[in-house]
Amino acid sequence: MTALTACVCSVTIGDTEVSVARNEDADEFRQELALTEPCLGHVEPEFTEQEVREGMMEKMKSMKGFEVYDEIPIETVHKRTLTMHWTALG
């Protein structure tokens, strides 16, 4: 599944075209798009890769919606970091 994004580049009012600039960090936007597709290290035989990807994407969407984490610059991360593992519960 490919994520598509649309944005407004200009608005026409009467005969006047007004340019629109996005109030968004372009690098952050590109990074977020790159992270929309999860990387799979191992897939249990009971699920297809597509099912695992879709499930992970849904969980990430939910975590983002509930704001249960803070994004921080990689430069500020200490040697002790939390690694997250996905677990399928039946």
C-alpha atoms as a PDB file:
ATOM      1  CA  MET A   1       0.000   0.000   0.000  1.00  0.00           C
ATOM      2  CA  THR A   2       1.421   3.393  -0.973  1.00  0.00           C
ATOM      3  CA  ALA A   3       0.571   6.445   1.070  1.00  0.00           C
ATOM      4  CA  LEU A   4      -0.479   9.408  -1.038  1.00  0.00           C
ATOM      5  CA  THR A   5      -0.402  12.974   0.196  1.00  0.00           C
ATOM      6  CA  ALA A   6      -1.938  16.026  -1.407  1.00  0.00           C
ATOM      7  CA  CYS A   7      -1.339  19.656  -0.586  1.00  0.00           C
ATOM      8  CA  VAL A   8      -2.570  23.029  -1.792  1.00  0.00           C
ATOM      9  CA  CYS A   9       0.042  24.979  -3.769  1.00  0.00           C
ATOM     10  CA  SER A  10      -2.045  28.035  -4.598  1.00  0.00           C
ATOM     11  CA  VAL A  11      -5.477  29.530  -4.177  1.00  0.00           C
ATOM     12  CA  THR A  12      -7.268  31.657  -6.762  1.00  0.00           C
ATOM     13  CA  ILE A  13      -9.418  34.495  -5.470  1.00  0.00           C
ATOM     14  CA  GLY A  14     -11.219  36.185  -8.319  1.00  0.00           C
ATOM     15  CA  ASP A  15      -8.486  36.751 -10.917  1.00  0.00           C
ATOM     16  CA  THR A  16      -5.649  36.698  -8.353  1.00  0.00           C
ATOM     17  CA  GLU A  17      -3.621  33.558  -7.668  1.00  0.00           C
ATOM     18  CA  VAL A  18      -2.104  33.447  -4.180  1.00  0.00           C
ATOM     19  CA  SER A  19       0.818  31.074  -3.509  1.00  0.00           C
ATOM     20  CA  VAL A  20       0.556  28.882  -0.443  1.00  0.00           C
ATOM     21  CA  ALA A  21       3.540  27.768   1.632  1.00  0.00           C
ATOM     22  CA  ARG A  22       3.346  24.773   3.950  1.00  0.00           C
ATOM     23  CA  ASN A  23       4.191  25.402   7.579  1.00  0.00           C
ATOM     24  CA  GLU A  24       5.994  22.092   7.844  1.00  0.00           C
ATOM     25  CA  ASP A  25       9.556  20.852   8.008  1.00  0.00           C
ATOM     26  CA  ALA A  26      10.169  19.164   4.639  1.00  0.00           C
ATOM     27  CA  ASP A  27      12.798  16.786   6.079  1.00  0.00           C
ATOM     28  CA  GLU A  28      10.443  15.717   8.861  1.00  0.00           C
ATOM     29  CA  PHE A  29       7.686  15.143   6.314  1.00  0.00           C
ATOM     30  CA  ARG A  30       9.948  12.968   4.109  1.00  0.00           C
ATOM     31  CA  GLN A  31      11.113  10.966   7.138  1.00  0.00           C
ATOM     32  CA  GLU A  32       7.541  10.364   8.274  1.00  0.00           C
ATOM     33  CA  LEU A  33       6.607   9.085   4.808  1.00  0.00           C
ATOM     34  CA  ALA A  34       9.633   6.776   4.806  1.00  0.00           C
ATOM     35  CA  LEU A  35       8.554   5.321   8.145  1.00  0.00           C
ATOM     36  CA  THR A  36       4.993   4.551   7.096  1.00  0.00           C
ATOM     37  CA  GLU A  37       5.985   1.105   5.845  1.00  0.00           C
ATOM     38  CA  PRO A  38       7.329  -1.115   8.666  1.00  0.00           C
ATOM     39  CA  CYS A  39      10.509  -3.157   8.319  1.00  0.00           C
ATOM     40  CA  LEU A  40       9.935  -6.836   8.997  1.00  0.00           C
ATOM     41  CA  GLY A  41      12.668  -8.938  10.527  1.00  0.00           C
ATOM     42  CA  HIS A  42      10.656 -12.100  11.087  1.00  0.00           C
ATOM     43  CA  VAL A  43       7.094 -13.100  10.252  1.00  0.00           C
ATOM     44  CA  GLU A  44       5.387 -15.942  12.114  1.00  0.00           C
ATOM     45  CA  PRO A  45       4.073 -18.617   9.715  1.00  0.00           C
ATOM     46  CA  GLU A  46       0.461 -18.075  10.813  1.00  0.00           C
ATOM     47  CA  PHE A  47       0.406 -14.582   9.219  1.00  0.00           C
ATOM     48  CA  THR A  48       1.292 -13.266   5.780  1.00  0.00           C
ATOM     49  CA  GLU A  49       3.781 -10.405   5.499  1.00  0.00           C
ATOM     50  CA  GLN A  50       0.943  -8.160   4.298  1.00  0.00           C
ATOM     51  CA  GLU A  51      -1.166  -8.985   7.372  1.00  0.00           C
ATOM     52  CA  VAL A  52       1.746  -8.195   9.688  1.00  0.00           C
ATOM     53  CA  ARG A  53       2.509  -4.904   7.901  1.00  0.00           C
ATOM     54  CA  GLU A  54      -1.136  -3.821   8.023  1.00  0.00           C
ATOM     55  CA  GLY A  55      -1.413  -4.751  11.707  1.00  0.00           C
ATOM     56  CA  MET A  56       1.766  -2.869  12.603  1.00  0.00           C
ATOM     57  CA  MET A  57       0.654   0.185  10.643  1.00  0.00           C
ATOM     58  CA  GLU A  58      -2.725   0.164  12.422  1.00  0.00           C
ATOM     59  CA  LYS A  59      -1.049  -0.065  15.841  1.00  0.00           C
ATOM     60  CA  MET A  60       1.356   2.774  14.990  1.00  0.00           C
ATOM     61  CA  LYS A  61      -1.580   4.893  13.811  1.00  0.00           C
ATOM     62  CA  SER A  62      -3.337   4.191  17.096  1.00  0.00           C
ATOM     63  CA  MET A  63      -0.230   5.037  19.174  1.00  0.00           C
ATOM     64  CA  LYS A  64       0.225   8.260  17.239  1.00  0.00           C
ATOM     65  CA  GLY A  65      -3.456   9.173  17.663  1.00  0.00           C
ATOM     66  CA  PHE A  66      -3.354   8.590  21.420  1.00  0.00           C
ATOM     67  CA  GLU A  67      -0.019  10.464  21.709  1.00  0.00           C
ATOM     68  CA  VAL A  68       1.568   7.779  23.879  1.00  0.00           C
ATOM     69  CA  TYR A  69       5.134   8.568  22.891  1.00  0.00           C
ATOM     70  CA  ASP A  70       7.436  11.524  22.287  1.00  0.00           C
ATOM     71  CA  GLU A  71       9.661  11.790  19.240  1.00  0.00           C
ATOM     72  CA  ILE A  72      13.125  13.042  20.092  1.00  0.00           C
ATOM     73  CA  PRO A  73      16.177  13.846  17.946  1.00  0.00           C
ATOM     74  CA  ILE A  74      18.500  10.845  17.511  1.00  0.00           C
ATOM     75  CA  GLU A  75      21.401  13.016  18.723  1.00  0.00           C
ATOM     76  CA  THR A  76      19.858  13.170  22.205  1.00  0.00           C
ATOM     77  CA  VAL A  77      19.444   9.406  22.609  1.00  0.00           C
ATOM     78  CA  HIS A  78      21.662   7.808  25.252  1.00  0.00           C
ATOM     79  CA  LYS A  79      23.200   4.371  24.962  1.00  0.00           C
ATOM     80  CA  ARG A  80      20.313   2.833  26.913  1.00  0.00           C
ATOM     81  CA  THR A  81      17.344   2.819  24.560  1.00  0.00           C
ATOM     82  CA  LEU A  82      14.081   0.942  24.551  1.00  0.00           C
ATOM     83  CA  THR A  83      13.654  -1.593  21.809  1.00  0.00           C
ATOM     84  CA  MET A  84      10.101  -2.428  20.846  1.00  0.00           C
ATOM     85  CA  HIS A  85       9.073  -5.904  19.754  1.00  0.00           C
ATOM     86  CA  TRP A  86       5.732  -6.685  18.147  1.00  0.00           C
ATOM     87  CA  THR A  87       3.893  -9.594  19.700  1.00  0.00           C
ATOM     88  CA  ALA A  88       0.911 -11.343  18.190  1.00  0.00           C
ATOM     89  CA  LEU A  89      -1.691 -12.232  20.785  1.00  0.00           C
ATOM     90  CA  GLY A  90      -4.230 -14.798  19.755  1.00  0.00           C
END
